[in-house]
Structure formats: C-alpha cells, structure tokens
Amino acid sequence: MIVPNRFFFTTFFSFVFLVGFSQSKEYQLEFRTSEELQQFLRYSPNSVPLVSAHRGGPAKGFPENSTATFAHSIQLNPTIIETDIALSKDSVLVMMHDTTLDRTTTGTGAIENYTYVELQEFFLEDNLGNQTPYKIETLDAVLQWGRGKVIYNLDIKKGVPMQMIVDAVRKNKAEAYSVIITYNANQAAEVSRLAPELMISVSAKGKEDVERMEQMGVRADKMIAFVGVSEARPEVYEYLHSRNIACILGTMGNIDRSAAANGDEFF
C-alpha cells in the first residue's frame, strides 16, 4: 500500500474490518469492550490496510499530538491515532513527543521543568512553525475525546511510568480503544503483567521474538507486531499471520519513495 503524502500518515496497519463506518463526513471507529478491539485487531486473510496517523497526522494549521488534528485526520480516513505521552514537572501526563518545547510550541526548555498550569501559557505550533490556537492537552482529555472515534496507539516517552499509563486508560474506561506501544520484550511483559486485557504493539520480526515474549507471559492474541520501516521477508508475515497476529509497517517515507522510483501508482 502507498499512503498519499498529502495525508501525512506514516504508518499503516493490516487489519480486517469487522465494524461498519459512519456514513457521515467523519470516519469513526467504535468498540464497546476490549474484547471487541482484540477481535478487530486480529489478522485475517480478508484483512485490508488501515491507516495510522503518526503523531495524529499533523498538517498545516494542525499541530501534532492535538485532538484538533485527530478530528481533522478522521475526516479523511478511518484512522488509528499514534500519539505521544510525556510527564510534566507536577506529574501530569501530557501529549508531547519531544523532551523540550522548542520545536512544537511557543515555549522553550525541557517539558519536565514546567507544571501543567505553566505549560498552558504556551500555544502549539504546526510542523511549519506556525502558531496555532491549540494548547498542550492532558492524556485524560485525549482519552475522553477518542471514545467512539478512533483507536489510540499510545507511545510512552522515556521516564514516564507504565503504571501511570495503565491507570489513566482504566480511569477513562479507554480499554476498548487503546493499544500500548512497547519497544522491547521487557516492556511488553510489563504491560502484560499490569494490564492483561490491553492490546500491545510489540517489536517482532518473526518466530523468535514472538516466542520469547510468550515465555515472558505476553499472550500472542494481545500482540500487534511492528515489523520495522521496510518490507519484512515473506516468511515473517507468513509466521505472524499463521498466529493471527496483525502487522504494523512504518512507511516513514521509505516505502513511498521506493514505490515512486519503481513507477507504482497511488491508490
């Protein structure tokens, strides 16, 4: 699949559509329970690609990691929202990718040096550096907004305790539309131990990685396998799909550039 660059989406998921989408202008994803989400995210031979908007799908006038941007993205396509969580000085979970405010806000300096109230003095900027009317949001607000609209792929920044993320998902009753991103087997095992009901994005490039995580207590039916930012070998997909594990492939521009060089068409 080639993702049109104008959508600013840099990741896609191969999942089967088990629910219908609204016929309104917005394409929304809605699940009642974590079990429904699990069923939706299982691989099937009938799977079709589903786009994930990296950092929410920022565009001109729409900053990354903002519900205003999420709302804009879901008008274009049924969307999974990948979004980033950092921690303020007073231990409030806020939506921010960088460790500093400089690139994405009107503020400067490390985010950990500001309380949440102090962070509200700044405005978010889009990726072109233009100031927007939007402010840094809390994870609580983002989870509340997402109900009945999207699936979240939650990326936890360094230094943020996983327990706080799990607690926030449960407090906001967001289990039915939240996936936790992990980067190694130890993180996956921690999430599985803390919240066995949640779906987990795991780094897995084949049988060895999956079996190692299973030995550490991670259930295969809770895994979504991130296979990297370039096409995996066919046998990798064959094994993962034989376990009914859906795959995430990060395009990050690489696949689009390769397809363009080969003369492939967008669809």
C-alpha atoms as a PDB file:
ATOM      1  CA  MET A   1       0.000   0.000   0.000  1.00  0.00           C
ATOM      2  CA  ILE A   2       1.192   3.513  -0.780  1.00  0.00           C
ATOM      3  CA  VAL A   3      -0.108   6.225   1.503  1.00  0.00           C
ATOM      4  CA  PRO A   4      -0.707   9.589  -0.219  1.00  0.00           C
ATOM      5  CA  ASN A   5       1.814  12.082   1.162  1.00  0.00           C
ATOM      6  CA  ARG A   6      -0.788  14.822   1.437  1.00  0.00           C
ATOM      7  CA  PHE A   7      -2.389  12.882   4.295  1.00  0.00           C
ATOM      8  CA  PHE A   8       0.818  12.995   6.357  1.00  0.00           C
ATOM      9  CA  PHE A   9       0.249   9.429   7.513  1.00  0.00           C
ATOM     10  CA  THR A  10       3.437   7.469   8.021  1.00  0.00           C
ATOM     11  CA  THR A  11       2.282   4.100   9.285  1.00  0.00           C
ATOM     12  CA  PHE A  12      -0.296   1.608   8.119  1.00  0.00           C
ATOM     13  CA  PHE A  13      -1.884  -1.414   9.743  1.00  0.00           C
ATOM     14  CA  SER A  14      -3.203  -4.541   8.028  1.00  0.00           C
ATOM     15  CA  PHE A  15      -6.418  -5.429   9.831  1.00  0.00           C
ATOM     16  CA  VAL A  16      -9.777  -6.877   8.987  1.00  0.00           C
ATOM     17  CA  PHE A  17     -12.739  -4.511   9.154  1.00  0.00           C
ATOM     18  CA  LEU A  18     -15.275  -6.107  11.479  1.00  0.00           C
ATOM     19  CA  VAL A  19     -17.341  -2.990  12.077  1.00  0.00           C
ATOM     20  CA  GLY A  20     -19.039  -0.525   9.768  1.00  0.00           C
ATOM     21  CA  PHE A  21     -18.007   3.086   9.449  1.00  0.00           C
ATOM     22  CA  SER A  22     -20.280   6.063   9.740  1.00  0.00           C
ATOM     23  CA  GLN A  23     -21.708   7.425   6.520  1.00  0.00           C
ATOM     24  CA  SER A  24     -21.185  10.943   7.841  1.00  0.00           C
ATOM     25  CA  LYS A  25     -18.208  13.144   6.997  1.00  0.00           C
ATOM     26  CA  GLU A  26     -16.186  11.596   9.826  1.00  0.00           C
ATOM     27  CA  TYR A  27     -14.830   8.047   9.612  1.00  0.00           C
ATOM     28  CA  GLN A  28     -15.066   6.782  13.181  1.00  0.00           C
ATOM     29  CA  LEU A  29     -14.018   3.564  14.896  1.00  0.00           C
ATOM     30  CA  GLU A  30     -16.097   2.430  17.846  1.00  0.00           C
ATOM     31  CA  PHE A  31     -15.818  -0.596  20.128  1.00  0.00           C
ATOM     32  CA  ARG A  32     -17.720  -1.407  23.322  1.00  0.00           C
ATOM     33  CA  THR A  33     -15.188  -3.700  25.009  1.00  0.00           C
ATOM     34  CA  SER A  34     -11.507  -4.607  24.933  1.00  0.00           C
ATOM     35  CA  GLU A  35     -12.565  -7.996  23.533  1.00  0.00           C
ATOM     36  CA  GLU A  36     -14.188  -6.297  20.530  1.00  0.00           C
ATOM     37  CA  LEU A  37     -10.998  -4.327  19.958  1.00  0.00           C
ATOM     38  CA  GLN A  38      -8.944  -7.520  20.183  1.00  0.00           C
ATOM     39  CA  GLN A  39     -11.155  -9.196  17.612  1.00  0.00           C
ATOM     40  CA  PHE A  40     -10.856  -6.197  15.297  1.00  0.00           C
ATOM     41  CA  LEU A  41      -7.072  -6.186  15.558  1.00  0.00           C
ATOM     42  CA  ARG A  42      -6.569  -9.872  14.800  1.00  0.00           C
ATOM     43  CA  TYR A  43      -5.168 -10.816  11.415  1.00  0.00           C
ATOM     44  CA  SER A  44      -7.481 -12.409   8.866  1.00  0.00           C
ATOM     45  CA  PRO A  45      -6.839 -13.461   5.242  1.00  0.00           C
ATOM     46  CA  ASN A  46      -9.540 -10.936   4.368  1.00  0.00           C
ATOM     47  CA  SER A  47      -7.679  -8.059   6.038  1.00  0.00           C
ATOM     48  CA  VAL A  48      -7.477  -4.687   4.375  1.00  0.00           C
ATOM     49  CA  PRO A  49      -4.981  -1.907   5.234  1.00  0.00           C
ATOM     50  CA  LEU A  50      -5.952   0.634   7.890  1.00  0.00           C
ATOM     51  CA  VAL A  51      -4.027   3.886   8.186  1.00  0.00           C
ATOM     52  CA  SER A  52      -2.368   5.006  11.396  1.00  0.00           C
ATOM     53  CA  ALA A  53      -1.739   8.738  11.695  1.00  0.00           C
ATOM     54  CA  HIS A  54       1.724   9.297  13.148  1.00  0.00           C
ATOM     55  CA  ARG A  55       1.509  11.880  15.954  1.00  0.00           C
ATOM     56  CA  GLY A  56      -2.096  12.330  14.907  1.00  0.00           C
ATOM     57  CA  GLY A  57      -1.448  13.322  11.268  1.00  0.00           C
ATOM     58  CA  PRO A  58      -0.158  16.918  11.557  1.00  0.00           C
ATOM     59  CA  ALA A  59      -0.823  19.256   8.629  1.00  0.00           C
ATOM     60  CA  LYS A  60      -0.659  22.984   8.003  1.00  0.00           C
ATOM     61  CA  GLY A  61      -2.546  24.658  10.842  1.00  0.00           C
ATOM     62  CA  PHE A  62      -2.836  21.394  12.769  1.00  0.00           C
ATOM     63  CA  PRO A  63      -0.108  20.582  15.320  1.00  0.00           C
ATOM     64  CA  GLU A  64       0.976  17.080  16.216  1.00  0.00           C
ATOM     65  CA  ASN A  65      -0.495  15.334  19.282  1.00  0.00           C
ATOM     66  CA  SER A  66      -3.624  17.508  19.399  1.00  0.00           C
ATOM     67  CA  THR A  67      -7.278  16.434  19.334  1.00  0.00           C
ATOM     68  CA  ALA A  68      -7.981  19.178  16.787  1.00  0.00           C
ATOM     69  CA  THR A  69      -5.566  17.386  14.468  1.00  0.00           C
ATOM     70  CA  PHE A  70      -7.070  13.992  15.277  1.00  0.00           C
ATOM     71  CA  ALA A  71     -10.506  15.338  14.336  1.00  0.00           C
ATOM     72  CA  HIS A  72      -9.097  16.641  11.054  1.00  0.00           C
ATOM     73  CA  SER A  73      -7.486  13.275  10.273  1.00  0.00           C
ATOM     74  CA  ILE A  74     -10.610  11.209  10.806  1.00  0.00           C
ATOM     75  CA  GLN A  75     -12.445  13.298   8.233  1.00  0.00           C
ATOM     76  CA  LEU A  76     -10.040  11.860   5.647  1.00  0.00           C
ATOM     77  CA  ASN A  77      -9.877   8.178   6.520  1.00  0.00           C
ATOM     78  CA  PRO A  78     -10.814   5.626   9.213  1.00  0.00           C
ATOM     79  CA  THR A  79      -7.860   6.253  11.443  1.00  0.00           C
ATOM     80  CA  ILE A  80      -5.737   4.831  14.205  1.00  0.00           C
ATOM     81  CA  ILE A  81      -4.075   7.684  16.074  1.00  0.00           C
ATOM     82  CA  GLU A  82      -0.476   7.237  17.191  1.00  0.00           C
ATOM     83  CA  THR A  83       0.208   9.830  19.856  1.00  0.00           C
ATOM     84  CA  ASP A  84       2.942  10.603  22.389  1.00  0.00           C
ATOM     85  CA  ILE A  85       2.792  10.984  26.164  1.00  0.00           C
ATOM     86  CA  ALA A  86       5.246  12.895  28.337  1.00  0.00           C
ATOM     87  CA  LEU A  87       5.276  13.933  32.000  1.00  0.00           C
ATOM     88  CA  SER A  88       5.137  17.458  33.381  1.00  0.00           C
ATOM     89  CA  LYS A  89       7.024  18.694  36.434  1.00  0.00           C
ATOM     90  CA  ASP A  90       3.987  18.044  38.632  1.00  0.00           C
ATOM     91  CA  SER A  91       3.463  14.524  37.184  1.00  0.00           C
ATOM     92  CA  VAL A  92       0.612  15.312  34.812  1.00  0.00           C
ATOM     93  CA  LEU A  93       0.514  13.116  31.705  1.00  0.00           C
ATOM     94  CA  VAL A  94       0.566  15.461  28.711  1.00  0.00           C
ATOM     95  CA  MET A  95       0.697  14.998  24.958  1.00  0.00           C
ATOM     96  CA  MET A  96       4.188  15.757  23.680  1.00  0.00           C
ATOM     97  CA  HIS A  97       6.761  13.926  21.566  1.00  0.00           C
ATOM     98  CA  ASP A  98       9.947  15.895  22.271  1.00  0.00           C
ATOM     99  CA  THR A  99      11.686  16.303  25.611  1.00  0.00           C
ATOM    100  CA  THR A 100      11.714  20.058  25.006  1.00  0.00           C
ATOM    101  CA  LEU A 101       9.045  22.575  23.998  1.00  0.00           C
ATOM    102  CA  ASP A 102      11.102  24.371  21.363  1.00  0.00           C
ATOM    103  CA  ARG A 103      10.050  22.578  18.148  1.00  0.00           C
ATOM    104  CA  THR A 104       6.303  22.180  18.682  1.00  0.00           C
ATOM    105  CA  THR A 105       5.245  25.081  20.937  1.00  0.00           C
ATOM    106  CA  THR A 106       5.807  28.767  21.569  1.00  0.00           C
ATOM    107  CA  GLY A 107       7.728  27.813  24.720  1.00  0.00           C
ATOM    108  CA  THR A 108      11.332  26.793  25.258  1.00  0.00           C
ATOM    109  CA  GLY A 109      13.190  24.381  27.505  1.00  0.00           C
ATOM    110  CA  ALA A 110      12.555  20.944  28.927  1.00  0.00           C
ATOM    111  CA  ILE A 111       8.944  19.938  29.446  1.00  0.00           C
ATOM    112  CA  GLU A 112       9.857  18.372  32.794  1.00  0.00           C
ATOM    113  CA  ASN A 113      10.723  21.855  34.100  1.00  0.00           C
ATOM    114  CA  TYR A 114       7.123  23.093  33.774  1.00  0.00           C
ATOM    115  CA  THR A 115       3.974  22.299  35.714  1.00  0.00           C
ATOM    116  CA  TYR A 116       0.840  21.628  33.711  1.00  0.00           C
ATOM    117  CA  VAL A 117      -0.560  25.066  34.574  1.00  0.00           C
ATOM    118  CA  GLU A 118       2.670  26.685  33.375  1.00  0.00           C
ATOM    119  CA  LEU A 119       2.511  24.701  30.129  1.00  0.00           C
ATOM    120  CA  GLN A 120      -0.884  26.255  29.416  1.00  0.00           C
ATOM    121  CA  GLU A 121       0.857  29.586  28.837  1.00  0.00           C
ATOM    122  CA  PHE A 122       2.151  28.272  25.509  1.00  0.00           C
ATOM    123  CA  PHE A 123       0.498  27.538  22.163  1.00  0.00           C
ATOM    124  CA  LEU A 124       1.178  24.566  19.936  1.00  0.00           C
ATOM    125  CA  GLU A 125       2.830  25.158  16.563  1.00  0.00           C
ATOM    126  CA  ASP A 126       2.303  23.156  13.386  1.00  0.00           C
ATOM    127  CA  ASN A 127       5.192  21.420  11.631  1.00  0.00           C
ATOM    128  CA  LEU A 128       5.841  24.530   9.561  1.00  0.00           C
ATOM    129  CA  GLY A 129       6.437  26.561  12.704  1.00  0.00           C
ATOM    130  CA  ASN A 130       3.133  28.435  12.553  1.00  0.00           C
ATOM    131  CA  GLN A 131       1.442  29.210  15.871  1.00  0.00           C
ATOM    132  CA  THR A 132      -1.988  27.605  16.253  1.00  0.00           C
ATOM    133  CA  PRO A 133      -4.778  28.385  18.751  1.00  0.00           C
ATOM    134  CA  TYR A 134      -4.337  24.972  20.389  1.00  0.00           C
ATOM    135  CA  LYS A 135      -2.772  24.187  23.770  1.00  0.00           C
ATOM    136  CA  ILE A 136      -0.941  21.172  25.203  1.00  0.00           C
ATOM    137  CA  GLU A 137      -3.548  18.627  26.277  1.00  0.00           C
ATOM    138  CA  THR A 138      -3.606  16.005  29.006  1.00  0.00           C
ATOM    139  CA  LEU A 139      -3.810  12.278  28.339  1.00  0.00           C
ATOM    140  CA  ASP A 140      -7.098  12.240  30.258  1.00  0.00           C
ATOM    141  CA  ALA A 141      -8.639  14.770  27.862  1.00  0.00           C
ATOM    142  CA  VAL A 142      -7.323  12.920  24.815  1.00  0.00           C
ATOM    143  CA  LEU A 143      -8.671   9.573  26.005  1.00  0.00           C
ATOM    144  CA  GLN A 144     -12.060  11.112  26.744  1.00  0.00           C
ATOM    145  CA  TRP A 145     -12.195  12.707  23.281  1.00  0.00           C
ATOM    146  CA  GLY A 146     -11.285   9.474  21.483  1.00  0.00           C
ATOM    147  CA  ARG A 147     -14.183   7.344  22.703  1.00  0.00           C
ATOM    148  CA  GLY A 148     -16.291   6.197  19.762  1.00  0.00           C
ATOM    149  CA  LYS A 149     -13.995   7.903  17.245  1.00  0.00           C
ATOM    150  CA  VAL A 150     -10.549   6.283  16.957  1.00  0.00           C
ATOM    151  CA  ILE A 151      -8.179   3.605  18.164  1.00  0.00           C
ATOM    152  CA  TYR A 152      -5.216   5.048  20.044  1.00  0.00           C
ATOM    153  CA  ASN A 153      -1.684   3.720  19.664  1.00  0.00           C
ATOM    154  CA  LEU A 154      -0.105   5.212  22.797  1.00  0.00           C
ATOM    155  CA  ASP A 155       3.629   5.945  22.611  1.00  0.00           C
ATOM    156  CA  ILE A 156       5.124   6.466  26.066  1.00  0.00           C
ATOM    157  CA  LYS A 157       8.154   8.715  26.250  1.00  0.00           C
ATOM    158  CA  LYS A 158      11.247   7.908  28.312  1.00  0.00           C
ATOM    159  CA  GLY A 159      10.805   8.373  32.056  1.00  0.00           C
ATOM    160  CA  VAL A 160       7.014   8.000  32.057  1.00  0.00           C
ATOM    161  CA  PRO A 161       5.977   5.116  34.353  1.00  0.00           C
ATOM    162  CA  MET A 162       3.959   2.467  32.537  1.00  0.00           C
ATOM    163  CA  GLN A 163       1.738   2.098  35.601  1.00  0.00           C
ATOM    164  CA  MET A 164       0.568   5.699  35.167  1.00  0.00           C
ATOM    165  CA  ILE A 165      -0.451   4.993  31.573  1.00  0.00           C
ATOM    166  CA  VAL A 166      -2.370   1.861  32.521  1.00  0.00           C
ATOM    167  CA  ASP A 167      -4.086   3.715  35.361  1.00  0.00           C
ATOM    168  CA  ALA A 168      -5.119   6.531  33.011  1.00  0.00           C
ATOM    169  CA  VAL A 169      -6.518   4.116  30.412  1.00  0.00           C
ATOM    170  CA  ARG A 170      -8.550   2.342  33.062  1.00  0.00           C
ATOM    171  CA  LYS A 171      -9.711   5.540  34.794  1.00  0.00           C
ATOM    172  CA  ASN A 172     -11.017   6.868  31.487  1.00  0.00           C
ATOM    173  CA  LYS A 173     -12.509   3.476  30.552  1.00  0.00           C
ATOM    174  CA  ALA A 174     -10.455   3.537  27.348  1.00  0.00           C
ATOM    175  CA  GLU A 175      -9.516  -0.155  27.254  1.00  0.00           C
ATOM    176  CA  ALA A 176     -11.750  -0.711  24.208  1.00  0.00           C
ATOM    177  CA  TYR A 177      -9.814   1.735  22.030  1.00  0.00           C
ATOM    178  CA  SER A 178      -6.243   1.862  23.384  1.00  0.00           C
ATOM    179  CA  VAL A 179      -3.116  -0.018  22.304  1.00  0.00           C
ATOM    180  CA  ILE A 180       0.147   0.388  24.246  1.00  0.00           C
ATOM    181  CA  ILE A 181       3.361   0.711  22.230  1.00  0.00           C
ATOM    182  CA  THR A 182       6.384  -1.186  23.558  1.00  0.00           C
ATOM    183  CA  TYR A 183       9.911  -1.323  22.169  1.00  0.00           C
ATOM    184  CA  ASN A 184      11.325  -4.498  23.686  1.00  0.00           C
ATOM    185  CA  ALA A 185      10.268  -7.758  25.314  1.00  0.00           C
ATOM    186  CA  ASN A 186      10.717  -6.425  28.854  1.00  0.00           C
ATOM    187  CA  GLN A 187       8.333  -3.528  28.218  1.00  0.00           C
ATOM    188  CA  ALA A 188       5.801  -5.844  26.596  1.00  0.00           C
ATOM    189  CA  ALA A 189       5.986  -8.177  29.589  1.00  0.00           C
ATOM    190  CA  GLU A 190       5.484  -5.242  31.978  1.00  0.00           C
ATOM    191  CA  VAL A 191       2.337  -4.085  30.169  1.00  0.00           C
ATOM    192  CA  SER A 192       1.032  -7.655  30.019  1.00  0.00           C
ATOM    193  CA  ARG A 193       1.561  -8.017  33.768  1.00  0.00           C
ATOM    194  CA  LEU A 194      -0.020  -4.664  34.625  1.00  0.00           C
ATOM    195  CA  ALA A 195      -2.930  -4.874  32.196  1.00  0.00           C
ATOM    196  CA  PRO A 196      -3.502  -8.308  30.662  1.00  0.00           C
ATOM    197  CA  GLU A 197      -6.673  -7.015  28.988  1.00  0.00           C
ATOM    198  CA  LEU A 198      -4.878  -4.441  26.813  1.00  0.00           C
ATOM    199  CA  MET A 199      -3.609  -4.861  23.272  1.00  0.00           C
ATOM    200  CA  ILE A 200       0.137  -4.306  22.888  1.00  0.00           C
ATOM    201  CA  SER A 201       2.194  -3.129  19.924  1.00  0.00           C
ATOM    202  CA  VAL A 202       5.369  -5.227  20.098  1.00  0.00           C
ATOM    203  CA  SER A 203       8.614  -5.209  18.128  1.00  0.00           C
ATOM    204  CA  ALA A 204       8.541  -8.606  16.450  1.00  0.00           C
ATOM    205  CA  LYS A 205      10.253  -9.658  13.257  1.00  0.00           C
ATOM    206  CA  GLY A 206       9.465 -13.333  13.428  1.00  0.00           C
ATOM    207  CA  LYS A 207       9.034 -16.513  15.427  1.00  0.00           C
ATOM    208  CA  GLU A 208      11.964 -15.993  17.799  1.00  0.00           C
ATOM    209  CA  ASP A 209      10.697 -12.607  19.003  1.00  0.00           C
ATOM    210  CA  VAL A 210       7.123 -13.815  19.483  1.00  0.00           C
ATOM    211  CA  GLU A 211       8.128 -16.960  21.358  1.00  0.00           C
ATOM    212  CA  ARG A 212      10.477 -15.023  23.627  1.00  0.00           C
ATOM    213  CA  MET A 213       7.665 -12.684  24.641  1.00  0.00           C
ATOM    214  CA  GLU A 214       5.303 -15.606  25.146  1.00  0.00           C
ATOM    215  CA  GLN A 215       7.832 -17.151  27.521  1.00  0.00           C
ATOM    216  CA  MET A 216       7.747 -13.855  29.443  1.00  0.00           C
ATOM    217  CA  GLY A 217       3.966 -14.016  29.775  1.00  0.00           C
ATOM    218  CA  VAL A 218       2.824 -11.930  26.798  1.00  0.00           C
ATOM    219  CA  ARG A 219      -0.143 -13.524  25.045  1.00  0.00           C
ATOM    220  CA  ALA A 220       0.028 -13.746  21.260  1.00  0.00           C
ATOM    221  CA  ASP A 221      -3.633 -12.789  20.966  1.00  0.00           C
ATOM    222  CA  LYS A 222      -2.790  -9.437  22.579  1.00  0.00           C
ATOM    223  CA  MET A 223       0.105  -8.705  20.182  1.00  0.00           C
ATOM    224  CA  ILE A 224       0.235  -6.447  17.154  1.00  0.00           C
ATOM    225  CA  ALA A 225       3.652  -6.880  15.514  1.00  0.00           C
ATOM    226  CA  PHE A 226       5.673  -3.851  14.429  1.00  0.00           C
ATOM    227  CA  VAL A 227       7.990  -5.296  11.771  1.00  0.00           C
ATOM    228  CA  GLY A 228      10.032  -2.158  11.053  1.00  0.00           C
ATOM    229  CA  VAL A 229      10.175   0.641   8.491  1.00  0.00           C
ATOM    230  CA  SER A 230      10.981  -1.504   5.464  1.00  0.00           C
ATOM    231  CA  GLU A 231       9.255  -4.536   3.998  1.00  0.00           C
ATOM    232  CA  ALA A 232       9.890  -7.697   6.011  1.00  0.00           C
ATOM    233  CA  ARG A 233      10.715 -11.019   4.373  1.00  0.00           C
ATOM    234  CA  PRO A 234       7.665 -13.017   3.212  1.00  0.00           C
ATOM    235  CA  GLU A 235       8.317 -15.730   5.792  1.00  0.00           C
ATOM    236  CA  VAL A 236       7.996 -13.143   8.578  1.00  0.00           C
ATOM    237  CA  TYR A 237       4.458 -12.263   7.501  1.00  0.00           C
ATOM    238  CA  GLU A 238       3.646 -15.933   6.930  1.00  0.00           C
ATOM    239  CA  TYR A 239       4.596 -16.845  10.502  1.00  0.00           C
ATOM    240  CA  LEU A 240       2.888 -13.840  12.127  1.00  0.00           C
ATOM    241  CA  HIS A 241      -0.276 -14.369  10.124  1.00  0.00           C
ATOM    242  CA  SER A 242      -0.263 -18.086  10.960  1.00  0.00           C
ATOM    243  CA  ARG A 243      -0.524 -16.939  14.595  1.00  0.00           C
ATOM    244  CA  ASN A 244      -3.308 -14.480  13.637  1.00  0.00           C
ATOM    245  CA  ILE A 245      -1.039 -11.568  14.570  1.00  0.00           C
ATOM    246  CA  ALA A 246      -1.645  -8.406  12.554  1.00  0.00           C
ATOM    247  CA  CYS A 247       1.399  -6.459  11.365  1.00  0.00           C
ATOM    248  CA  ILE A 248       2.338  -2.793  11.507  1.00  0.00           C
ATOM    249  CA  LEU A 249       4.696  -1.471   8.828  1.00  0.00           C
ATOM    250  CA  GLY A 250       6.094   2.020   9.317  1.00  0.00           C
ATOM    251  CA  THR A 251       6.359   3.758   5.955  1.00  0.00           C
ATOM    252  CA  MET A 252       8.309   6.770   7.286  1.00  0.00           C
ATOM    253  CA  GLY A 253       8.583   7.884   3.657  1.00  0.00           C
ATOM    254  CA  ASN A 254      10.753   4.929   2.656  1.00  0.00           C
ATOM    255  CA  ILE A 255       8.055   2.827   1.022  1.00  0.00           C
ATOM    256  CA  ASP A 256       6.548   5.808  -0.799  1.00  0.00           C
ATOM    257  CA  ARG A 257       9.934   6.783  -2.240  1.00  0.00           C
ATOM    258  CA  SER A 258      10.651   3.211  -3.284  1.00  0.00           C
ATOM    259  CA  ALA A 259       7.259   2.880  -4.948  1.00  0.00           C
ATOM    260  CA  ALA A 260       7.688   6.168  -6.796  1.00  0.00           C
ATOM    261  CA  ALA A 261      11.101   5.041  -8.043  1.00  0.00           C
ATOM    262  CA  ASN A 262       9.532   1.812  -9.323  1.00  0.00           C
ATOM    263  CA  GLY A 263       6.730   3.652 -11.074  1.00  0.00           C
ATOM    264  CA  ASP A 264       3.961   2.326  -8.821  1.00  0.00           C
ATOM    265  CA  GLU A 265       0.713   4.255  -8.647  1.00  0.00           C
ATOM    266  CA  PHE A 266      -1.043   5.688  -5.631  1.00  0.00           C
ATOM    267  CA  PHE A 267      -4.414   4.316  -4.610  1.00  0.00           C
END
